[in-house]
PDB file of N, CA and C in Angstrom:
ATOM      1  N   MET A   1      -5.435   9.148 -13.095  1.00  0.00           N
ATOM      2  CA  MET A   1      -3.722   8.899 -13.279  1.00  0.00           C
ATOM      3  C   MET A   1      -3.732   8.970 -11.537  1.00  0.00           C
ATOM      4  N   LEU A   2      -2.967   7.909 -11.082  1.00  0.00           N
ATOM      5  CA  LEU A   2      -2.969   7.802  -9.644  1.00  0.00           C
ATOM      6  C   LEU A   2      -1.362   8.913  -9.009  1.00  0.00           C
ATOM      7  N   GLU A   3      -1.811   9.261  -7.731  1.00  0.00           N
ATOM      8  CA  GLU A   3      -0.467  10.448  -7.665  1.00  0.00           C
ATOM      9  C   GLU A   3      -0.092  10.351  -6.850  1.00  0.00           C
ATOM     10  N   HIS A   4       0.924  10.572  -6.237  1.00  0.00           N
ATOM     11  CA  HIS A   4       1.576  10.216  -4.830  1.00  0.00           C
ATOM     12  C   HIS A   4       1.375  11.453  -3.870  1.00  0.00           C
ATOM     13  N   LYS A   5       1.137  11.971  -2.459  1.00  0.00           N
ATOM     14  CA  LYS A   5       0.752  12.051  -1.980  1.00  0.00           C
ATOM     15  C   LYS A   5       1.844  13.506  -1.607  1.00  0.00           C
ATOM     16  N   HIS A   6       3.590  13.497  -1.848  1.00  0.00           N
ATOM     17  CA  HIS A   6       4.238  14.401  -1.813  1.00  0.00           C
ATOM     18  C   HIS A   6       4.366  14.692  -3.245  1.00  0.00           C
ATOM     19  N   GLY A   7       3.635  14.661  -3.920  1.00  0.00           N
ATOM     20  CA  GLY A   7       3.860  15.398  -5.298  1.00  0.00           C
ATOM     21  C   GLY A   7       4.657  14.955  -6.725  1.00  0.00           C
ATOM     22  N   GLY A   8       4.374  13.584  -6.929  1.00  0.00           N
ATOM     23  CA  GLY A   8       4.789  12.875  -8.305  1.00  0.00           C
ATOM     24  C   GLY A   8       3.979  11.956  -8.924  1.00  0.00           C
ATOM     25  N   LYS A   9       3.469  11.697  -9.827  1.00  0.00           N
ATOM     26  CA  LYS A   9       2.790  10.765 -10.110  1.00  0.00           C
ATOM     27  C   LYS A   9       3.249   9.307 -10.690  1.00  0.00           C
ATOM     28  N   ILE A  10       2.174   8.334 -10.202  1.00  0.00           N
ATOM     29  CA  ILE A  10       2.858   7.000 -10.165  1.00  0.00           C
ATOM     30  C   ILE A  10       2.421   6.474 -11.192  1.00  0.00           C
ATOM     31  N   THR A  11       3.474   6.113 -11.726  1.00  0.00           N
ATOM     32  CA  THR A  11       3.655   5.582 -13.558  1.00  0.00           C
ATOM     33  C   THR A  11       2.828   4.433 -13.383  1.00  0.00           C
ATOM     34  N   SER A  12       3.170   3.590 -12.705  1.00  0.00           N
ATOM     35  CA  SER A  12       3.371   1.857 -12.413  1.00  0.00           C
ATOM     36  C   SER A  12       2.882   1.269 -10.662  1.00  0.00           C
ATOM     37  N   ILE A  13       2.607   0.102 -10.975  1.00  0.00           N
ATOM     38  CA  ILE A  13       2.447  -0.618  -9.347  1.00  0.00           C
ATOM     39  C   ILE A  13       2.617  -2.072  -9.863  1.00  0.00           C
ATOM     40  N   SER A  14       3.927  -2.194  -9.536  1.00  0.00           N
ATOM     41  CA  SER A  14       4.465  -4.045  -9.751  1.00  0.00           C
ATOM     42  C   SER A  14       3.989  -4.795  -8.813  1.00  0.00           C
ATOM     43  N   ALA A  15       3.965  -4.124  -7.608  1.00  0.00           N
ATOM     44  CA  ALA A  15       3.231  -5.015  -6.406  1.00  0.00           C
ATOM     45  C   ALA A  15       2.980  -4.694  -5.334  1.00  0.00           C
ATOM     46  N   ILE A  16       2.483  -5.885  -4.508  1.00  0.00           N
ATOM     47  CA  ILE A  16       1.591  -5.562  -3.323  1.00  0.00           C
ATOM     48  C   ILE A  16       2.403  -6.558  -1.722  1.00  0.00           C
ATOM     49  N   GLY A  17       2.643  -5.690  -1.186  1.00  0.00           N
ATOM     50  CA  GLY A  17       3.441  -6.500   0.049  1.00  0.00           C
ATOM     51  C   GLY A  17       3.701  -6.194   1.097  1.00  0.00           C
ATOM     52  N   HIS A  18       4.089  -6.729   2.000  1.00  0.00           N
ATOM     53  CA  HIS A  18       4.151  -5.929   3.392  1.00  0.00           C
ATOM     54  C   HIS A  18       5.584  -6.491   4.294  1.00  0.00           C
ATOM     55  N   GLU A  19       5.881  -5.488   5.168  1.00  0.00           N
ATOM     56  CA  GLU A  19       6.994  -5.696   6.072  1.00  0.00           C
ATOM     57  C   GLU A  19       6.369  -5.624   7.567  1.00  0.00           C
ATOM     58  N   THR A  20       7.569  -6.169   8.673  1.00  0.00           N
ATOM     59  CA  THR A  20       6.695  -5.913   9.827  1.00  0.00           C
ATOM     60  C   THR A  20       8.125  -4.993  10.629  1.00  0.00           C
ATOM     61  N   TYR A  21       7.914  -4.723  11.628  1.00  0.00           N
ATOM     62  CA  TYR A  21       8.362  -3.738  12.588  1.00  0.00           C
ATOM     63  C   TYR A  21       8.081  -4.121  13.552  1.00  0.00           C
ATOM     64  N   LYS A  22       9.283  -4.537  14.561  1.00  0.00           N
ATOM     65  CA  LYS A  22       8.675  -4.925  16.385  1.00  0.00           C
ATOM     66  C   LYS A  22       7.673  -5.783  16.370  1.00  0.00           C
ATOM     67  N   ARG A  23       7.155  -6.668  15.357  1.00  0.00           N
ATOM     68  CA  ARG A  23       5.715  -7.041  15.410  1.00  0.00           C
ATOM     69  C   ARG A  23       4.765  -6.823  14.662  1.00  0.00           C
ATOM     70  N   VAL A  24       4.964  -6.017  13.822  1.00  0.00           N
ATOM     71  CA  VAL A  24       3.588  -4.985  13.655  1.00  0.00           C
ATOM     72  C   VAL A  24       3.540  -4.873  12.577  1.00  0.00           C
ATOM     73  N   ALA A  25       2.621  -5.257  11.220  1.00  0.00           N
ATOM     74  CA  ALA A  25       2.549  -5.360  10.112  1.00  0.00           C
ATOM     75  C   ALA A  25       2.469  -3.988   9.601  1.00  0.00           C
ATOM     76  N   SER A  26       3.103  -3.328   8.177  1.00  0.00           N
ATOM     77  CA  SER A  26       2.448  -2.358   7.420  1.00  0.00           C
ATOM     78  C   SER A  26       2.663  -2.680   5.865  1.00  0.00           C
ATOM     79  N   TRP A  27       1.560  -2.438   5.615  1.00  0.00           N
ATOM     80  CA  TRP A  27       1.733  -2.713   4.205  1.00  0.00           C
ATOM     81  C   TRP A  27       1.679  -1.360   3.178  1.00  0.00           C
ATOM     82  N   HIS A  28       2.075  -2.228   1.646  1.00  0.00           N
ATOM     83  CA  HIS A  28       2.197  -1.081   0.408  1.00  0.00           C
ATOM     84  C   HIS A  28       2.085  -1.757  -0.716  1.00  0.00           C
ATOM     85  N   TYR A  29       2.326  -0.416  -1.447  1.00  0.00           N
ATOM     86  CA  TYR A  29       1.813  -1.014  -3.041  1.00  0.00           C
ATOM     87  C   TYR A  29       4.157  -0.955  -3.529  1.00  0.00           C
ATOM     88  N   VAL A  30       4.518  -1.765  -4.160  1.00  0.00           N
ATOM     89  CA  VAL A  30       5.468  -1.375  -5.024  1.00  0.00           C
ATOM     90  C   VAL A  30       5.234  -0.768  -6.091  1.00  0.00           C
ATOM     91  N   GLY A  31       6.172   0.741  -6.620  1.00  0.00           N
ATOM     92  CA  GLY A  31       5.867   1.120  -7.640  1.00  0.00           C
ATOM     93  C   GLY A  31       6.575   2.352  -8.339  1.00  0.00           C
ATOM     94  N   ARG A  32       6.633   2.791  -9.215  1.00  0.00           N
ATOM     95  CA  ARG A  32       7.185   3.783 -10.079  1.00  0.00           C
ATOM     96  C   ARG A  32       6.551   4.790  -9.727  1.00  0.00           C
ATOM     97  N   VAL A  33       7.401   6.124  -9.656  1.00  0.00           N
ATOM     98  CA  VAL A  33       6.597   7.668  -9.420  1.00  0.00           C
ATOM     99  C   VAL A  33       7.904   8.266  -9.713  1.00  0.00           C
ATOM    100  N   GLU A  34       7.060   9.143 -10.650  1.00  0.00           N
ATOM    101  CA  GLU A  34       7.547  10.450 -11.606  1.00  0.00           C
ATOM    102  C   GLU A  34       7.299  12.171 -10.610  1.00  0.00           C
ATOM    103  N   TRP A  35       8.637  12.037  -9.979  1.00  0.00           N
ATOM    104  CA  TRP A  35       8.202  13.223  -9.361  1.00  0.00           C
ATOM    105  C   TRP A  35       8.350  14.787  -9.461  1.00  0.00           C
ATOM    106  N   SER A  36       7.926  15.172  -8.867  1.00  0.00           N
ATOM    107  CA  SER A  36       6.925  16.733  -9.598  1.00  0.00           C
ATOM    108  C   SER A  36       9.166  17.667  -9.984  1.00  0.00           C
ATOM    109  N   ASP A  37       9.445  17.276  -9.208  1.00  0.00           N
ATOM    110  CA  ASP A  37      11.216  17.927  -9.427  1.00  0.00           C
ATOM    111  C   ASP A  37      12.067  17.374 -10.981  1.00  0.00           C
ATOM    112  N   GLY A  38      11.347  16.244 -11.516  1.00  0.00           N
ATOM    113  CA  GLY A  38      11.849  15.589 -12.519  1.00  0.00           C
ATOM    114  C   GLY A  38      12.946  14.122 -11.951  1.00  0.00           C
ATOM    115  N   THR A  39      12.599  13.617 -11.073  1.00  0.00           N
ATOM    116  CA  THR A  39      14.001  12.685 -10.706  1.00  0.00           C
ATOM    117  C   THR A  39      12.399  11.306 -11.146  1.00  0.00           C
ATOM    118  N   VAL A  40      12.586  10.218 -10.707  1.00  0.00           N
ATOM    119  CA  VAL A  40      12.167   9.130 -10.975  1.00  0.00           C
ATOM    120  C   VAL A  40      12.498   8.044  -9.877  1.00  0.00           C
ATOM    121  N   SER A  41      11.566   7.605  -9.242  1.00  0.00           N
ATOM    122  CA  SER A  41      11.756   6.411  -8.273  1.00  0.00           C
ATOM    123  C   SER A  41      11.146   5.006  -8.659  1.00  0.00           C
ATOM    124  N   GLU A  42      12.615   3.840  -8.689  1.00  0.00           N
ATOM    125  CA  GLU A  42      11.569   2.849  -9.081  1.00  0.00           C
ATOM    126  C   GLU A  42      11.473   1.935  -8.072  1.00  0.00           C
ATOM    127  N   ARG A  43      10.394   0.978  -8.056  1.00  0.00           N
ATOM    128  CA  ARG A  43      10.762   0.495  -6.978  1.00  0.00           C
ATOM    129  C   ARG A  43      10.412   0.620  -5.373  1.00  0.00           C
ATOM    130  N   ILE A  44      10.027   1.517  -5.627  1.00  0.00           N
ATOM    131  CA  ILE A  44       9.389   2.647  -4.413  1.00  0.00           C
ATOM    132  C   ILE A  44       8.358   1.880  -3.712  1.00  0.00           C
ATOM    133  N   ARG A  45       8.569   1.882  -2.056  1.00  0.00           N
ATOM    134  CA  ARG A  45       7.268   1.618  -1.586  1.00  0.00           C
ATOM    135  C   ARG A  45       6.013   2.907  -1.390  1.00  0.00           C
ATOM    136  N   ILE A  46       5.416   2.093  -1.816  1.00  0.00           N
ATOM    137  CA  ILE A  46       4.233   3.311  -1.433  1.00  0.00           C
ATOM    138  C   ILE A  46       3.036   2.798  -0.530  1.00  0.00           C
ATOM    139  N   PRO A  47       3.340   3.936   0.313  1.00  0.00           N
ATOM    140  CA  PRO A  47       1.590   3.262   1.604  1.00  0.00           C
ATOM    141  C   PRO A  47       0.692   3.778   0.691  1.00  0.00           C
ATOM    142  N   PRO A  48      -0.347   3.091   1.200  1.00  0.00           N
ATOM    143  CA  PRO A  48      -1.953   3.363   0.673  1.00  0.00           C
ATOM    144  C   PRO A  48      -2.556   4.361   0.669  1.00  0.00           C
ATOM    145  N   TYR A  49      -1.656   4.834   2.235  1.00  0.00           N
ATOM    146  CA  TYR A  49      -2.646   6.858   2.831  1.00  0.00           C
ATOM    147  C   TYR A  49      -1.601   7.559   1.699  1.00  0.00           C
ATOM    148  N   ALA A  50      -0.621   7.408   0.676  1.00  0.00           N
ATOM    149  CA  ALA A  50      -0.002   8.093  -0.143  1.00  0.00           C
ATOM    150  C   ALA A  50      -0.442   8.118  -1.413  1.00  0.00           C
ATOM    151  N   VAL A  51      -1.303   7.359  -1.813  1.00  0.00           N
ATOM    152  CA  VAL A  51      -1.802   7.007  -3.093  1.00  0.00           C
ATOM    153  C   VAL A  51      -2.903   8.044  -3.203  1.00  0.00           C
ATOM    154  N   CYS A  52      -2.696   9.570  -4.002  1.00  0.00           N
ATOM    155  CA  CYS A  52      -3.933  10.313  -4.316  1.00  0.00           C
ATOM    156  C   CYS A  52      -4.930  10.371  -5.785  1.00  0.00           C
ATOM    157  N   PHE A  53      -5.721  10.753  -6.233  1.00  0.00           N
ATOM    158  CA  PHE A  53      -6.217  10.377  -7.292  1.00  0.00           C
ATOM    159  C   PHE A  53      -7.749  11.675  -7.591  1.00  0.00           C
ATOM    160  N   ASP A  54      -7.652  12.140  -8.413  1.00  0.00           N
ATOM    161  CA  ASP A  54      -9.004  12.988  -8.742  1.00  0.00           C
ATOM    162  C   ASP A  54     -10.727  12.391  -9.067  1.00  0.00           C
ATOM    163  N   HIS A  55     -10.810  12.713  -7.553  1.00  0.00           N
ATOM    164  CA  HIS A  55     -12.244  12.126  -7.571  1.00  0.00           C
ATOM    165  C   HIS A  55     -13.277  12.865  -8.776  1.00  0.00           C
ATOM    166  N   ASP A  56     -13.147  13.676  -9.412  1.00  0.00           N
ATOM    167  CA  ASP A  56     -13.663  13.780 -10.107  1.00  0.00           C
ATOM    168  C   ASP A  56     -13.625  13.348 -11.699  1.00  0.00           C
ATOM    169  N   ASP A  57     -12.548  12.442 -11.669  1.00  0.00           N
ATOM    170  CA  ASP A  57     -12.286  11.789 -13.284  1.00  0.00           C
ATOM    171  C   ASP A  57     -12.764  10.207 -12.537  1.00  0.00           C
ATOM    172  N   SER A  58     -13.463   9.783 -13.371  1.00  0.00           N
ATOM    173  CA  SER A  58     -13.574   8.482 -13.543  1.00  0.00           C
ATOM    174  C   SER A  58     -12.975   7.426 -13.784  1.00  0.00           C
ATOM    175  N   ALA A  59     -11.712   7.950 -14.380  1.00  0.00           N
ATOM    176  CA  ALA A  59     -10.913   6.654 -15.408  1.00  0.00           C
ATOM    177  C   ALA A  59      -9.920   6.543 -14.029  1.00  0.00           C
ATOM    178  N   SER A  60      -9.537   7.541 -13.420  1.00  0.00           N
ATOM    179  CA  SER A  60      -8.772   7.736 -11.895  1.00  0.00           C
ATOM    180  C   SER A  60      -9.588   7.179 -11.197  1.00  0.00           C
ATOM    181  N   LYS A  61     -10.954   7.428 -10.436  1.00  0.00           N
ATOM    182  CA  LYS A  61     -11.384   6.303  -9.538  1.00  0.00           C
ATOM    183  C   LYS A  61     -11.164   4.761 -10.097  1.00  0.00           C
ATOM    184  N   GLU A  62     -11.896   4.847 -11.321  1.00  0.00           N
ATOM    185  CA  GLU A  62     -11.691   3.266 -11.667  1.00  0.00           C
ATOM    186  C   GLU A  62      -9.866   2.537 -10.751  1.00  0.00           C
ATOM    187  N   GLN A  63      -9.434   3.436 -11.412  1.00  0.00           N
ATOM    188  CA  GLN A  63      -8.045   2.749 -11.110  1.00  0.00           C
ATOM    189  C   GLN A  63      -7.404   2.311  -9.679  1.00  0.00           C
ATOM    190  N   TYR A  64      -8.321   3.464  -8.984  1.00  0.00           N
ATOM    191  CA  TYR A  64      -7.752   3.260  -7.602  1.00  0.00           C
ATOM    192  C   TYR A  64      -8.970   2.056  -7.327  1.00  0.00           C
ATOM    193  N   ALA A  65      -9.851   2.081  -7.448  1.00  0.00           N
ATOM    194  CA  ALA A  65     -10.741   0.842  -6.907  1.00  0.00           C
ATOM    195  C   ALA A  65     -10.018  -0.467  -7.007  1.00  0.00           C
ATOM    196  N   ARG A  66      -9.672  -0.653  -8.131  1.00  0.00           N
ATOM    197  CA  ARG A  66      -8.814  -1.859  -8.600  1.00  0.00           C
ATOM    198  C   ARG A  66      -7.774  -1.840  -7.936  1.00  0.00           C
ATOM    199  N   LEU A  67      -6.967  -1.061  -7.811  1.00  0.00           N
ATOM    200  CA  LEU A  67      -5.902  -1.051  -6.830  1.00  0.00           C
ATOM    201  C   LEU A  67      -5.912  -1.570  -5.180  1.00  0.00           C
ATOM    202  N   ALA A  68      -7.416  -0.616  -5.221  1.00  0.00           N
ATOM    203  CA  ALA A  68      -7.501  -1.310  -3.349  1.00  0.00           C
ATOM    204  C   ALA A  68      -8.346  -2.744  -3.233  1.00  0.00           C
ATOM    205  N   GLN A  69      -8.710  -3.234  -4.243  1.00  0.00           N
ATOM    206  CA  GLN A  69      -9.553  -4.727  -4.786  1.00  0.00           C
ATOM    207  C   GLN A  69      -8.342  -5.187  -4.472  1.00  0.00           C
ATOM    208  N   GLN A  70      -7.034  -4.378  -4.763  1.00  0.00           N
ATOM    209  CA  GLN A  70      -5.888  -6.364  -5.034  1.00  0.00           C
ATOM    210  C   GLN A  70      -5.294  -6.103  -3.931  1.00  0.00           C
ATOM    211  N   LEU A  71      -5.361  -4.550  -3.065  1.00  0.00           N
ATOM    212  CA  LEU A  71      -4.802  -4.754  -1.630  1.00  0.00           C
ATOM    213  C   LEU A  71      -5.391  -5.334  -0.669  1.00  0.00           C
ATOM    214  N   ASP A  72      -6.834  -5.156  -0.619  1.00  0.00           N
ATOM    215  CA  ASP A  72      -7.845  -6.202   0.213  1.00  0.00           C
ATOM    216  C   ASP A  72      -7.830  -7.663  -0.116  1.00  0.00           C
ATOM    217  N   LEU A  73      -7.491  -7.842  -1.107  1.00  0.00           N
ATOM    218  CA  LEU A  73      -7.573  -9.946  -1.879  1.00  0.00           C
ATOM    219  C   LEU A  73      -6.541 -10.185  -0.689  1.00  0.00           C
ATOM    220  N   TYR A  74      -4.754  -8.680  -0.771  1.00  0.00           N
ATOM    221  CA  TYR A  74      -3.875  -9.725  -0.687  1.00  0.00           C
ATOM    222  C   TYR A  74      -3.546  -9.576   1.140  1.00  0.00           C
ATOM    223  N   LEU A  75      -4.310  -8.553   1.046  1.00  0.00           N
ATOM    224  CA  LEU A  75      -4.281  -9.029   2.838  1.00  0.00           C
ATOM    225  C   LEU A  75      -5.175  -9.914   3.125  1.00  0.00           C
ATOM    226  N   GLN A  76      -6.410 -10.127   2.823  1.00  0.00           N
ATOM    227  CA  GLN A  76      -7.028 -11.709   3.123  1.00  0.00           C
ATOM    228  C   GLN A  76      -6.615 -12.949   2.985  1.00  0.00           C
ATOM    229  N   ALA A  77      -5.583 -12.596   2.048  1.00  0.00           N
ATOM    230  CA  ALA A  77      -4.982 -14.260   1.933  1.00  0.00           C
ATOM    231  C   ALA A  77      -3.423 -14.333   2.460  1.00  0.00           C
ATOM    232  N   GLU A  78      -2.987 -13.012   2.599  1.00  0.00           N
ATOM    233  CA  GLU A  78      -1.547 -13.271   3.413  1.00  0.00           C
ATOM    234  C   GLU A  78      -1.114 -12.899   4.913  1.00  0.00           C
ATOM    235  N   GLY A  79      -2.556 -12.652   5.678  1.00  0.00           N
ATOM    236  CA  GLY A  79      -3.109 -12.737   7.343  1.00  0.00           C
ATOM    237  C   GLY A  79      -3.987 -12.731   7.612  1.00  0.00           C
ATOM    238  N   GLU A  80      -4.185 -12.397   8.944  1.00  0.00           N
ATOM    239  CA  GLU A  80      -5.792 -12.215   9.042  1.00  0.00           C
ATOM    240  C   GLU A  80      -6.164 -10.647   9.728  1.00  0.00           C
ATOM    241  N   TRP A  81      -7.290 -10.488   9.839  1.00  0.00           N
ATOM    242  CA  TRP A  81      -7.618  -9.207  10.241  1.00  0.00           C
ATOM    243  C   TRP A  81      -8.054  -9.852  12.095  1.00  0.00           C
ATOM    244  N   LEU A  82      -7.728  -9.095  13.257  1.00  0.00           N
ATOM    245  CA  LEU A  82      -7.801  -9.397  14.138  1.00  0.00           C
ATOM    246  C   LEU A  82      -9.712  -8.816  14.602  1.00  0.00           C
ATOM    247  N   ASP A  83     -10.343  -9.195  15.224  1.00  0.00           N
ATOM    248  CA  ASP A  83     -11.567  -9.094  15.449  1.00  0.00           C
ATOM    249  C   ASP A  83     -11.595  -7.813  16.999  1.00  0.00           C
ATOM    250  N   LYS A  84     -10.085  -8.265  17.294  1.00  0.00           N
ATOM    251  CA  LYS A  84      -9.734  -7.047  18.514  1.00  0.00           C
ATOM    252  C   LYS A  84      -8.809  -6.612  18.446  1.00  0.00           C
ATOM    253  N   PRO A  85      -8.562  -5.333  18.234  1.00  0.00           N
ATOM    254  CA  PRO A  85      -6.218  -4.917  17.880  1.00  0.00           C
ATOM    255  C   PRO A  85      -6.261  -5.446  19.093  1.00  0.00           C
ATOM    256  N   LYS A  86      -4.914  -5.850  19.078  1.00  0.00           N
ATOM    257  CA  LYS A  86      -4.182  -5.550  19.905  1.00  0.00           C
ATOM    258  C   LYS A  86      -3.123  -4.539  20.178  1.00  0.00           C
ATOM    259  N   HIS A  87      -3.327  -4.373  21.720  1.00  0.00           N
ATOM    260  CA  HIS A  87      -2.092  -3.190  21.834  1.00  0.00           C
ATOM    261  C   HIS A  87      -0.888  -3.521  22.506  1.00  0.00           C
ATOM    262  N   MET A  88       0.360  -2.961  21.576  1.00  0.00           N
ATOM    263  CA  MET A  88       2.066  -3.143  21.514  1.00  0.00           C
ATOM    264  C   MET A  88       2.407  -2.447  23.148  1.00  0.00           C
ATOM    265  N   ARG A  89       3.471  -2.783  23.871  1.00  0.00           N
ATOM    266  CA  ARG A  89       3.810  -2.096  24.945  1.00  0.00           C
ATOM    267  C   ARG A  89       4.068  -0.510  24.383  1.00  0.00           C
ATOM    268  N   ASP A  90       4.273  -0.259  23.274  1.00  0.00           N
ATOM    269  CA  ASP A  90       4.876   0.895  22.921  1.00  0.00           C
ATOM    270  C   ASP A  90       3.747   1.878  22.614  1.00  0.00           C
ATOM    271  N   GLY A  91       2.354   0.879  22.328  1.00  0.00           N
ATOM    272  CA  GLY A  91       1.243   2.279  22.068  1.00  0.00           C
ATOM    273  C   GLY A  91       0.776   1.908  20.283  1.00  0.00           C
ATOM    274  N   ARG A  92       1.510   1.045  19.964  1.00  0.00           N
ATOM    275  CA  ARG A  92       0.630   0.845  18.517  1.00  0.00           C
ATOM    276  C   ARG A  92      -0.161  -0.048  18.672  1.00  0.00           C
ATOM    277  N   LEU A  93      -0.752  -0.282  17.717  1.00  0.00           N
ATOM    278  CA  LEU A  93      -1.859  -1.284  17.716  1.00  0.00           C
ATOM    279  C   LEU A  93      -1.938  -2.233  16.936  1.00  0.00           C
ATOM    280  N   VAL A  94      -2.199  -3.069  16.787  1.00  0.00           N
ATOM    281  CA  VAL A  94      -1.919  -4.624  15.553  1.00  0.00           C
ATOM    282  C   VAL A  94      -3.467  -4.662  15.270  1.00  0.00           C
ATOM    283  N   HIS A  95      -4.040  -4.677  14.286  1.00  0.00           N
ATOM    284  CA  HIS A  95      -5.258  -5.268  13.276  1.00  0.00           C
ATOM    285  C   HIS A  95      -5.152  -6.025  12.606  1.00  0.00           C
ATOM    286  N   TRP A  96      -3.796  -6.533  11.939  1.00  0.00           N
ATOM    287  CA  TRP A  96      -4.064  -7.244  10.844  1.00  0.00           C
ATOM    288  C   TRP A  96      -2.475  -7.953  11.129  1.00  0.00           C
ATOM    289  N   VAL A  97      -2.613  -9.387  11.223  1.00  0.00           N
ATOM    290  CA  VAL A  97      -1.375 -10.519  11.610  1.00  0.00           C
ATOM    291  C   VAL A  97      -0.908 -10.994  10.639  1.00  0.00           C
ATOM    292  N   PRO A  98       0.053 -11.119   9.640  1.00  0.00           N
ATOM    293  CA  PRO A  98       0.753 -11.565   8.610  1.00  0.00           C
ATOM    294  C   PRO A  98       0.766 -13.155   8.673  1.00  0.00           C
ATOM    295  N   LYS A  99       0.722 -13.767   8.111  1.00  0.00           N
ATOM    296  CA  LYS A  99       1.361 -15.431   8.208  1.00  0.00           C
ATOM    297  C   LYS A  99       2.840 -15.462   8.262  1.00  0.00           C
ATOM    298  N   VAL A 100       3.379 -14.559   7.266  1.00  0.00           N
ATOM    299  CA  VAL A 100       5.692 -14.326   7.837  1.00  0.00           C
ATOM    300  C   VAL A 100       5.639 -12.623   7.629  1.00  0.00           C
ATOM    301  N   PRO A 101       6.370 -12.893   8.131  1.00  0.00           N
ATOM    302  CA  PRO A 101       7.115 -11.196   8.491  1.00  0.00           C
ATOM    303  C   PRO A 101       6.958 -10.440   7.405  1.00  0.00           C
ATOM    304  N   GLU A 102       7.463 -11.095   6.058  1.00  0.00           N
ATOM    305  CA  GLU A 102       7.807 -10.128   4.862  1.00  0.00           C
ATOM    306  C   GLU A 102       7.324 -10.860   3.930  1.00  0.00           C
ATOM    307  N   TYR A 103       6.787 -10.344   2.727  1.00  0.00           N
ATOM    308  CA  TYR A 103       6.484 -10.942   1.520  1.00  0.00           C
ATOM    309  C   TYR A 103       5.939  -9.911   0.810  1.00  0.00           C
ATOM    310  N   GLU A 104       5.938 -10.051  -0.524  1.00  0.00           N
ATOM    311  CA  GLU A 104       5.352  -9.442  -2.006  1.00  0.00           C
ATOM    312  C   GLU A 104       4.970 -10.241  -2.796  1.00  0.00           C
ATOM    313  N   VAL A 105       3.708  -9.771  -3.483  1.00  0.00           N
ATOM    314  CA  VAL A 105       3.596 -10.597  -5.076  1.00  0.00           C
ATOM    315  C   VAL A 105       3.514  -9.877  -5.693  1.00  0.00           C
ATOM    316  N   ALA A 106       3.556 -10.131  -7.115  1.00  0.00           N
ATOM    317  CA  ALA A 106       3.555  -9.236  -8.581  1.00  0.00           C
ATOM    318  C   ALA A 106       2.234  -8.907  -8.386  1.00  0.00           C
ATOM    319  N   VAL A 107       1.626  -7.748  -8.992  1.00  0.00           N
ATOM    320  CA  VAL A 107       0.046  -7.729  -9.261  1.00  0.00           C
ATOM    321  C   VAL A 107      -0.326  -7.283 -11.166  1.00  0.00           C
TER     322      VAL A 107
END
């Protein structure tokens, strides 16, 4: 089972997408999270760094590997990785440039 870094269980992932802020893109999963306090978030954007799993559980490892592969395929299809990152004036780095400013695809 996949978990959210902030204390919830990720019960489903329905899409992968990206958005840009001041010309710098970030990507995310879209999913359902059951939080430890009993609340539920539907269609919440989940950044990849917030996805956790039990490294000793082979099923969880496989689930995460499939999800990471889907993200990799999405990023290859919807944008371009830069050989040399660009520095923005505000200090952010651009590593990936999307074809369009915002997009989402169902998985």
